[in-house]
């Protein structure tokens, strides 16, 4: 199993994404961006870490810890599924 890579393109595209290290940038697992490029409108997290279900979540800027918990949970579940397949 490879490591995760966090690609910070806030200044180029306004996005941050997390992907497997060896995967192309287009195959991200989590994509984080500011809604409508306006911090007052909130943060969007698109989650493709589960191939069976893709989700999009919206958070207010004061819910950053809730957003962080969601991302950690998603990636932890992904790792658990990968390890279960190995066994």
PDB file of N, CA and C in Angstrom:
ATOM      1  N   UNK A   1       0.853  -1.172   0.000  1.00  0.00           N
ATOM      2  CA  UNK A   1       0.000   0.000   0.000  1.00  0.00           C
ATOM      3  C   UNK A   1       0.900   1.238   0.000  1.00  0.00           C
ATOM      4  N   UNK A   2       0.587   2.155  -0.852  1.00  0.00           N
ATOM      5  CA  UNK A   2       1.392   3.363  -0.974  1.00  0.00           C
ATOM      6  C   UNK A   2       0.946   4.414   0.043  1.00  0.00           C
ATOM      7  N   UNK A   3       1.661   5.501   0.081  1.00  0.00           N
ATOM      8  CA  UNK A   3       1.339   6.588   1.011  1.00  0.00           C
ATOM      9  C   UNK A   3       0.368   7.564   0.343  1.00  0.00           C
ATOM     10  N   UNK A   4      -0.258   8.394   1.172  1.00  0.00           N
ATOM     11  CA  UNK A   4      -1.117   9.462   0.656  1.00  0.00           C
ATOM     12  C   UNK A   4      -0.255  10.665   0.319  1.00  0.00           C
ATOM     13  N   UNK A   5      -0.674  11.399  -0.675  1.00  0.00           N
ATOM     14  CA  UNK A   5       0.006  12.629  -1.063  1.00  0.00           C
ATOM     15  C   UNK A   5      -1.029  13.758  -0.999  1.00  0.00           C
ATOM     16  N   UNK A   6      -0.665  14.854  -0.375  1.00  0.00           N
ATOM     17  CA  UNK A   6      -1.531  16.027  -0.312  1.00  0.00           C
ATOM     18  C   UNK A   6      -0.974  17.050  -1.306  1.00  0.00           C
ATOM     19  N   UNK A   7      -1.792  17.422  -2.261  1.00  0.00           N
ATOM     20  CA  UNK A   7      -1.393  18.381  -3.290  1.00  0.00           C
ATOM     21  C   UNK A   7      -2.111  19.704  -3.008  1.00  0.00           C
ATOM     22  N   UNK A   8      -1.338  20.723  -2.737  1.00  0.00           N
ATOM     23  CA  UNK A   8      -1.880  22.037  -2.396  1.00  0.00           C
ATOM     24  C   UNK A   8      -1.790  22.943  -3.620  1.00  0.00           C
ATOM     25  N   UNK A   9      -2.916  23.162  -4.250  1.00  0.00           N
ATOM     26  CA  UNK A   9      -2.967  24.043  -5.417  1.00  0.00           C
ATOM     27  C   UNK A   9      -3.888  25.239  -5.148  1.00  0.00           C
ATOM     28  N   UNK A  10      -3.866  25.698  -3.891  1.00  0.00           N
ATOM     29  CA  UNK A  10      -4.721  26.828  -3.526  1.00  0.00           C
ATOM     30  C   UNK A  10      -4.471  28.050  -4.395  1.00  0.00           C
ATOM     31  N   UNK A  11      -3.227  28.316  -4.704  1.00  0.00           N
ATOM     32  CA  UNK A  11      -2.906  29.529  -5.445  1.00  0.00           C
ATOM     33  C   UNK A  11      -3.123  29.363  -6.948  1.00  0.00           C
ATOM     34  N   UNK A  12      -3.007  28.130  -7.453  1.00  0.00           N
ATOM     35  CA  UNK A  12      -3.197  27.893  -8.882  1.00  0.00           C
ATOM     36  C   UNK A  12      -4.677  27.685  -9.235  1.00  0.00           C
ATOM     37  N   UNK A  13      -5.354  26.790  -8.489  1.00  0.00           N
ATOM     38  CA  UNK A  13      -6.735  26.430  -8.836  1.00  0.00           C
ATOM     39  C   UNK A  13      -7.720  26.623  -7.692  1.00  0.00           C
ATOM     40  N   UNK A  14      -7.222  26.954  -6.507  1.00  0.00           N
ATOM     41  CA  UNK A  14      -8.095  27.106  -5.352  1.00  0.00           C
ATOM     42  C   UNK A  14      -8.473  25.787  -4.714  1.00  0.00           C
ATOM     43  N   UNK A  15      -7.717  24.723  -4.994  1.00  0.00           N
ATOM     44  CA  UNK A  15      -8.054  23.384  -4.506  1.00  0.00           C
ATOM     45  C   UNK A  15      -6.894  22.755  -3.743  1.00  0.00           C
ATOM     46  N   UNK A  16      -7.268  21.863  -2.854  1.00  0.00           N
ATOM     47  CA  UNK A  16      -6.318  20.973  -2.189  1.00  0.00           C
ATOM     48  C   UNK A  16      -6.898  19.579  -2.365  1.00  0.00           C
ATOM     49  N   UNK A  17      -6.064  18.619  -2.738  1.00  0.00           N
ATOM     50  CA  UNK A  17      -6.582  17.266  -2.833  1.00  0.00           C
ATOM     51  C   UNK A  17      -5.602  16.254  -2.272  1.00  0.00           C
ATOM     52  N   UNK A  18      -6.173  15.122  -1.880  1.00  0.00           N
ATOM     53  CA  UNK A  18      -5.404  14.011  -1.322  1.00  0.00           C
ATOM     54  C   UNK A  18      -5.598  12.835  -2.253  1.00  0.00           C
ATOM     55  N   UNK A  19      -4.509  12.164  -2.573  1.00  0.00           N
ATOM     56  CA  UNK A  19      -4.535  11.038  -3.503  1.00  0.00           C
ATOM     57  C   UNK A  19      -3.496  10.014  -3.082  1.00  0.00           C
ATOM     58  N   UNK A  20      -3.563   8.833  -3.685  1.00  0.00           N
ATOM     59  CA  UNK A  20      -2.476   7.878  -3.498  1.00  0.00           C
ATOM     60  C   UNK A  20      -1.247   8.448  -4.191  1.00  0.00           C
ATOM     61  N   UNK A  21      -0.085   8.220  -3.643  1.00  0.00           N
ATOM     62  CA  UNK A  21       1.149   8.804  -4.170  1.00  0.00           C
ATOM     63  C   UNK A  21       1.369   8.470  -5.642  1.00  0.00           C
ATOM     64  N   UNK A  22       1.117   7.235  -6.029  1.00  0.00           N
ATOM     65  CA  UNK A  22       1.414   6.818  -7.406  1.00  0.00           C
ATOM     66  C   UNK A  22       0.287   7.135  -8.385  1.00  0.00           C
ATOM     67  N   UNK A  23      -0.860   7.570  -7.901  1.00  0.00           N
ATOM     68  CA  UNK A  23      -2.006   7.854  -8.772  1.00  0.00           C
ATOM     69  C   UNK A  23      -1.837   9.210  -9.455  1.00  0.00           C
ATOM     70  N   UNK A  24      -2.387   9.335 -10.658  1.00  0.00           N
ATOM     71  CA  UNK A  24      -2.362  10.656 -11.308  1.00  0.00           C
ATOM     72  C   UNK A  24      -3.225  11.648 -10.526  1.00  0.00           C
ATOM     73  N   UNK A  25      -2.948  12.910 -10.693  1.00  0.00           N
ATOM     74  CA  UNK A  25      -3.669  13.951  -9.951  1.00  0.00           C
ATOM     75  C   UNK A  25      -5.179  13.883 -10.161  1.00  0.00           C
ATOM     76  N   UNK A  26      -5.613  13.438 -11.313  1.00  0.00           N
ATOM     77  CA  UNK A  26      -7.047  13.372 -11.609  1.00  0.00           C
ATOM     78  C   UNK A  26      -7.768  12.303 -10.785  1.00  0.00           C
ATOM     79  N   UNK A  27      -7.024  11.378 -10.201  1.00  0.00           N
ATOM     80  CA  UNK A  27      -7.612  10.285  -9.418  1.00  0.00           C
ATOM     81  C   UNK A  27      -7.500  10.576  -7.926  1.00  0.00           C
ATOM     82  N   UNK A  28      -7.960  11.729  -7.513  1.00  0.00           N
ATOM     83  CA  UNK A  28      -7.889  12.123  -6.109  1.00  0.00           C
ATOM     84  C   UNK A  28      -8.905  11.345  -5.280  1.00  0.00           C
ATOM     85  N   UNK A  29      -8.648  11.302  -3.988  1.00  0.00           N
ATOM     86  CA  UNK A  29      -9.556  10.659  -3.036  1.00  0.00           C
ATOM     87  C   UNK A  29     -10.435  11.693  -2.340  1.00  0.00           C
ATOM     88  N   UNK A  30      -9.824  12.797  -1.926  1.00  0.00           N
ATOM     89  CA  UNK A  30     -10.536  13.897  -1.288  1.00  0.00           C
ATOM     90  C   UNK A  30     -10.153  15.196  -1.990  1.00  0.00           C
ATOM     91  N   UNK A  31     -11.141  16.010  -2.261  1.00  0.00           N
ATOM     92  CA  UNK A  31     -10.923  17.313  -2.877  1.00  0.00           C
ATOM     93  C   UNK A  31     -11.541  18.360  -1.967  1.00  0.00           C
ATOM     94  N   UNK A  32     -10.762  19.374  -1.609  1.00  0.00           N
ATOM     95  CA  UNK A  32     -11.213  20.418  -0.696  1.00  0.00           C
ATOM     96  C   UNK A  32     -11.104  21.766  -1.419  1.00  0.00           C
ATOM     97  N   UNK A  33     -12.175  22.557  -1.356  1.00  0.00           N
ATOM     98  CA  UNK A  33     -12.135  23.890  -1.955  1.00  0.00           C
ATOM     99  C   UNK A  33     -13.152  24.799  -1.271  1.00  0.00           C
ATOM    100  N   UNK A  34     -13.005  26.090  -1.472  1.00  0.00           N
ATOM    101  CA  UNK A  34     -13.904  27.091  -0.897  1.00  0.00           C
ATOM    102  C   UNK A  34     -15.079  27.272  -1.847  1.00  0.00           C
ATOM    103  N   UNK A  35     -16.283  27.226  -1.303  1.00  0.00           N
ATOM    104  CA  UNK A  35     -17.489  27.333  -2.117  1.00  0.00           C
ATOM    105  C   UNK A  35     -17.547  28.694  -2.805  1.00  0.00           C
ATOM    106  N   UNK A  36     -17.701  28.673  -4.112  1.00  0.00           N
ATOM    107  CA  UNK A  36     -17.817  29.885  -4.934  1.00  0.00           C
ATOM    108  C   UNK A  36     -16.673  30.872  -4.688  1.00  0.00           C
ATOM    109  N   UNK A  37     -15.521  30.380  -4.291  1.00  0.00           N
ATOM    110  CA  UNK A  37     -14.351  31.215  -3.999  1.00  0.00           C
ATOM    111  C   UNK A  37     -14.645  32.303  -2.977  1.00  0.00           C
ATOM    112  N   UNK A  38     -15.594  32.048  -2.086  1.00  0.00           N
ATOM    113  CA  UNK A  38     -15.968  33.013  -1.064  1.00  0.00           C
ATOM    114  C   UNK A  38     -15.927  32.326   0.303  1.00  0.00           C
ATOM    115  N   UNK A  39     -14.942  32.632   1.129  1.00  0.00           N
ATOM    116  CA  UNK A  39     -14.837  31.972   2.434  1.00  0.00           C
ATOM    117  C   UNK A  39     -16.098  32.093   3.284  1.00  0.00           C
ATOM    118  N   UNK A  40     -16.873  33.132   3.092  1.00  0.00           N
ATOM    119  CA  UNK A  40     -18.100  33.286   3.862  1.00  0.00           C
ATOM    120  C   UNK A  40     -19.135  32.216   3.517  1.00  0.00           C
ATOM    121  N   UNK A  41     -19.031  31.656   2.326  1.00  0.00           N
ATOM    122  CA  UNK A  41     -20.001  30.646   1.886  1.00  0.00           C
ATOM    123  C   UNK A  41     -19.654  29.248   2.376  1.00  0.00           C
ATOM    124  N   UNK A  42     -18.423  29.013   2.813  1.00  0.00           N
ATOM    125  CA  UNK A  42     -18.067  27.721   3.378  1.00  0.00           C
ATOM    126  C   UNK A  42     -17.055  26.929   2.576  1.00  0.00           C
ATOM    127  N   UNK A  43     -16.884  25.706   3.018  1.00  0.00           N
ATOM    128  CA  UNK A  43     -15.886  24.793   2.455  1.00  0.00           C
ATOM    129  C   UNK A  43     -16.611  23.569   1.910  1.00  0.00           C
ATOM    130  N   UNK A  44     -16.179  23.095   0.756  1.00  0.00           N
ATOM    131  CA  UNK A  44     -16.733  21.888   0.153  1.00  0.00           C
ATOM    132  C   UNK A  44     -15.658  20.801   0.198  1.00  0.00           C
ATOM    133  N   UNK A  45     -16.063  19.607   0.590  1.00  0.00           N
ATOM    134  CA  UNK A  45     -15.178  18.440   0.541  1.00  0.00           C
ATOM    135  C   UNK A  45     -15.872  17.387  -0.308  1.00  0.00           C
ATOM    136  N   UNK A  46     -15.234  17.004  -1.394  1.00  0.00           N
ATOM    137  CA  UNK A  46     -15.729  15.907  -2.220  1.00  0.00           C
ATOM    138  C   UNK A  46     -14.920  14.674  -1.867  1.00  0.00           C
ATOM    139  N   UNK A  47     -15.628  13.592  -1.595  1.00  0.00           N
ATOM    140  CA  UNK A  47     -15.017  12.373  -1.078  1.00  0.00           C
ATOM    141  C   UNK A  47     -15.260  11.217  -2.043  1.00  0.00           C
ATOM    142  N   UNK A  48     -14.176  10.725  -2.672  1.00  0.00           N
ATOM    143  CA  UNK A  48     -14.242   9.547  -3.538  1.00  0.00           C
ATOM    144  C   UNK A  48     -13.419   8.404  -2.953  1.00  0.00           C
ATOM    145  N   UNK A  49     -13.224   8.423  -1.637  1.00  0.00           N
ATOM    146  CA  UNK A  49     -12.394   7.393  -1.005  1.00  0.00           C
ATOM    147  C   UNK A  49     -13.079   6.027  -0.982  1.00  0.00           C
ATOM    148  N   UNK A  50     -14.393   6.002  -1.132  1.00  0.00           N
ATOM    149  CA  UNK A  50     -15.133   4.751  -1.216  1.00  0.00           C
ATOM    150  C   UNK A  50     -15.642   4.623  -2.651  1.00  0.00           C
ATOM    151  N   UNK A  51     -15.117   3.663  -3.421  1.00  0.00           N
ATOM    152  CA  UNK A  51     -15.514   3.564  -4.832  1.00  0.00           C
ATOM    153  C   UNK A  51     -17.003   3.262  -5.028  1.00  0.00           C
ATOM    154  N   UNK A  52     -17.670   2.747  -3.994  1.00  0.00           N
ATOM    155  CA  UNK A  52     -19.095   2.435  -4.112  1.00  0.00           C
ATOM    156  C   UNK A  52     -19.982   3.655  -3.867  1.00  0.00           C
ATOM    157  N   UNK A  53     -19.452   4.654  -3.170  1.00  0.00           N
ATOM    158  CA  UNK A  53     -20.235   5.837  -2.810  1.00  0.00           C
ATOM    159  C   UNK A  53     -19.351   7.072  -2.895  1.00  0.00           C
ATOM    160  N   UNK A  54     -19.773   8.045  -3.655  1.00  0.00           N
ATOM    161  CA  UNK A  54     -19.076   9.328  -3.695  1.00  0.00           C
ATOM    162  C   UNK A  54     -19.949  10.365  -2.995  1.00  0.00           C
ATOM    163  N   UNK A  55     -19.339  11.156  -2.128  1.00  0.00           N
ATOM    164  CA  UNK A  55     -20.082  12.123  -1.346  1.00  0.00           C
ATOM    165  C   UNK A  55     -19.517  13.520  -1.543  1.00  0.00           C
ATOM    166  N   UNK A  56     -20.373  14.496  -1.318  1.00  0.00           N
ATOM    167  CA  UNK A  56     -19.964  15.889  -1.284  1.00  0.00           C
ATOM    168  C   UNK A  56     -20.525  16.478   0.004  1.00  0.00           C
ATOM    169  N   UNK A  57     -19.657  17.110   0.778  1.00  0.00           N
ATOM    170  CA  UNK A  57     -20.046  17.684   2.063  1.00  0.00           C
ATOM    171  C   UNK A  57     -19.781  19.180   2.038  1.00  0.00           C
ATOM    172  N   UNK A  58     -20.626  19.911   2.724  1.00  0.00           N
ATOM    173  CA  UNK A  58     -20.457  21.355   2.826  1.00  0.00           C
ATOM    174  C   UNK A  58     -20.346  21.730   4.303  1.00  0.00           C
ATOM    175  N   UNK A  59     -19.350  22.537   4.618  1.00  0.00           N
ATOM    176  CA  UNK A  59     -19.116  22.968   5.988  1.00  0.00           C
ATOM    177  C   UNK A  59     -18.997  24.475   6.039  1.00  0.00           C
ATOM    178  N   UNK A  60     -19.459  25.048   7.141  1.00  0.00           N
ATOM    179  CA  UNK A  60     -19.225  26.462   7.397  1.00  0.00           C
ATOM    180  C   UNK A  60     -17.761  26.613   7.817  1.00  0.00           C
ATOM    181  N   UNK A  61     -17.215  27.796   7.676  1.00  0.00           N
ATOM    182  CA  UNK A  61     -15.801  27.987   8.004  1.00  0.00           C
ATOM    183  C   UNK A  61     -15.509  27.738   9.476  1.00  0.00           C
ATOM    184  N   UNK A  62     -16.484  27.868  10.362  1.00  0.00           N
ATOM    185  CA  UNK A  62     -16.226  27.602  11.775  1.00  0.00           C
ATOM    186  C   UNK A  62     -16.375  26.113  12.118  1.00  0.00           C
ATOM    187  N   UNK A  63     -16.623  25.266  11.128  1.00  0.00           N
ATOM    188  CA  UNK A  63     -16.746  23.820  11.339  1.00  0.00           C
ATOM    189  C   UNK A  63     -15.512  23.064  10.841  1.00  0.00           C
ATOM    190  N   UNK A  64     -14.375  23.705  10.883  1.00  0.00           N
ATOM    191  CA  UNK A  64     -13.160  23.118  10.326  1.00  0.00           C
ATOM    192  C   UNK A  64     -12.769  21.817  11.037  1.00  0.00           C
ATOM    193  N   UNK A  65     -13.020  21.718  12.343  1.00  0.00           N
ATOM    194  CA  UNK A  65     -12.672  20.491  13.054  1.00  0.00           C
ATOM    195  C   UNK A  65     -13.613  19.354  12.670  1.00  0.00           C
ATOM    196  N   UNK A  66     -14.855  19.662  12.420  1.00  0.00           N
ATOM    197  CA  UNK A  66     -15.818  18.668  11.950  1.00  0.00           C
ATOM    198  C   UNK A  66     -15.382  18.155  10.569  1.00  0.00           C
ATOM    199  N   UNK A  67     -14.953  19.070   9.713  1.00  0.00           N
ATOM    200  CA  UNK A  67     -14.468  18.701   8.380  1.00  0.00           C
ATOM    201  C   UNK A  67     -13.219  17.830   8.485  1.00  0.00           C
ATOM    202  N   UNK A  68     -12.321  18.196   9.365  1.00  0.00           N
ATOM    203  CA  UNK A  68     -11.101  17.426   9.570  1.00  0.00           C
ATOM    204  C   UNK A  68     -11.416  16.011  10.039  1.00  0.00           C
ATOM    205  N   UNK A  69     -12.339  15.885  10.974  1.00  0.00           N
ATOM    206  CA  UNK A  69     -12.741  14.564  11.463  1.00  0.00           C
ATOM    207  C   UNK A  69     -13.308  13.712  10.333  1.00  0.00           C
ATOM    208  N   UNK A  70     -14.120  14.312   9.483  1.00  0.00           N
ATOM    209  CA  UNK A  70     -14.696  13.592   8.358  1.00  0.00           C
ATOM    210  C   UNK A  70     -13.613  13.058   7.431  1.00  0.00           C
ATOM    211  N   UNK A  71     -12.627  13.895   7.118  1.00  0.00           N
ATOM    212  CA  UNK A  71     -11.560  13.470   6.212  1.00  0.00           C
ATOM    213  C   UNK A  71     -10.732  12.343   6.819  1.00  0.00           C
ATOM    214  N   UNK A  72     -10.406  12.457   8.088  1.00  0.00           N
ATOM    215  CA  UNK A  72      -9.635  11.406   8.761  1.00  0.00           C
ATOM    216  C   UNK A  72     -10.426  10.100   8.775  1.00  0.00           C
ATOM    217  N   UNK A  73     -11.710  10.180   9.090  1.00  0.00           N
ATOM    218  CA  UNK A  73     -12.553   8.980   9.099  1.00  0.00           C
ATOM    219  C   UNK A  73     -12.619   8.327   7.721  1.00  0.00           C
ATOM    220  N   UNK A  74     -12.786   9.121   6.680  1.00  0.00           N
ATOM    221  CA  UNK A  74     -12.861   8.585   5.316  1.00  0.00           C
ATOM    222  C   UNK A  74     -11.582   7.856   4.929  1.00  0.00           C
ATOM    223  N   UNK A  75     -10.450   8.463   5.219  1.00  0.00           N
ATOM    224  CA  UNK A  75      -9.178   7.842   4.851  1.00  0.00           C
ATOM    225  C   UNK A  75      -8.875   6.628   5.719  1.00  0.00           C
ATOM    226  N   UNK A  76      -9.280   6.663   6.978  1.00  0.00           N
ATOM    227  CA  UNK A  76      -9.092   5.507   7.865  1.00  0.00           C
ATOM    228  C   UNK A  76      -9.919   4.325   7.370  1.00  0.00           C
ATOM    229  N   UNK A  77     -11.157   4.582   6.960  1.00  0.00           N
ATOM    230  CA  UNK A  77     -12.004   3.508   6.419  1.00  0.00           C
ATOM    231  C   UNK A  77     -11.415   2.955   5.125  1.00  0.00           C
ATOM    232  N   UNK A  78     -10.853   3.817   4.306  1.00  0.00           N
ATOM    233  CA  UNK A  78     -10.209   3.378   3.069  1.00  0.00           C
ATOM    234  C   UNK A  78      -9.049   2.431   3.369  1.00  0.00           C
ATOM    235  N   UNK A  79      -8.216   2.798   4.310  1.00  0.00           N
ATOM    236  CA  UNK A  79      -7.086   1.945   4.687  1.00  0.00           C
ATOM    237  C   UNK A  79      -7.588   0.609   5.236  1.00  0.00           C
ATOM    238  N   UNK A  80      -8.633   0.637   6.048  1.00  0.00           N
ATOM    239  CA  UNK A  80      -9.205  -0.604   6.600  1.00  0.00           C
ATOM    240  C   UNK A  80      -9.709  -1.513   5.491  1.00  0.00           C
ATOM    241  N   UNK A  81     -10.386  -0.950   4.496  1.00  0.00           N
ATOM    242  CA  UNK A  81     -10.871  -1.766   3.378  1.00  0.00           C
ATOM    243  C   UNK A  81      -9.709  -2.363   2.591  1.00  0.00           C
ATOM    244  N   UNK A  82      -8.653  -1.583   2.361  1.00  0.00           N
ATOM    245  CA  UNK A  82      -7.482  -2.085   1.644  1.00  0.00           C
ATOM    246  C   UNK A  82      -6.824  -3.241   2.399  1.00  0.00           C
ATOM    247  N   UNK A  83      -6.683  -3.082   3.703  1.00  0.00           N
ATOM    248  CA  UNK A  83      -6.064  -4.134   4.513  1.00  0.00           C
ATOM    249  C   UNK A  83      -6.938  -5.381   4.557  1.00  0.00           C
ATOM    250  N   UNK A  84      -8.241  -5.219   4.611  1.00  0.00           N
ATOM    251  CA  UNK A  84      -9.161  -6.369   4.640  1.00  0.00           C
ATOM    252  C   UNK A  84      -9.072  -7.165   3.341  1.00  0.00           C
ATOM    253  N   UNK A  85      -8.859  -6.485   2.219  1.00  0.00           N
ATOM    254  CA  UNK A  85      -8.707  -7.176   0.933  1.00  0.00           C
ATOM    255  C   UNK A  85      -7.449  -8.016   0.890  1.00  0.00           C
ATOM    256  N   UNK A  86      -6.397  -7.566   1.570  1.00  0.00           N
ATOM    257  CA  UNK A  86      -5.134  -8.304   1.598  1.00  0.00           C
ATOM    258  C   UNK A  86      -5.267  -9.637   2.319  1.00  0.00           C
ATOM    259  N   UNK A  87      -6.097  -9.666   3.351  1.00  0.00           N
ATOM    260  CA  UNK A  87      -6.231 -10.877   4.182  1.00  0.00           C
ATOM    261  C   UNK A  87      -7.062 -11.922   3.545  1.00  0.00           C
TER     262      UNK A  87
END
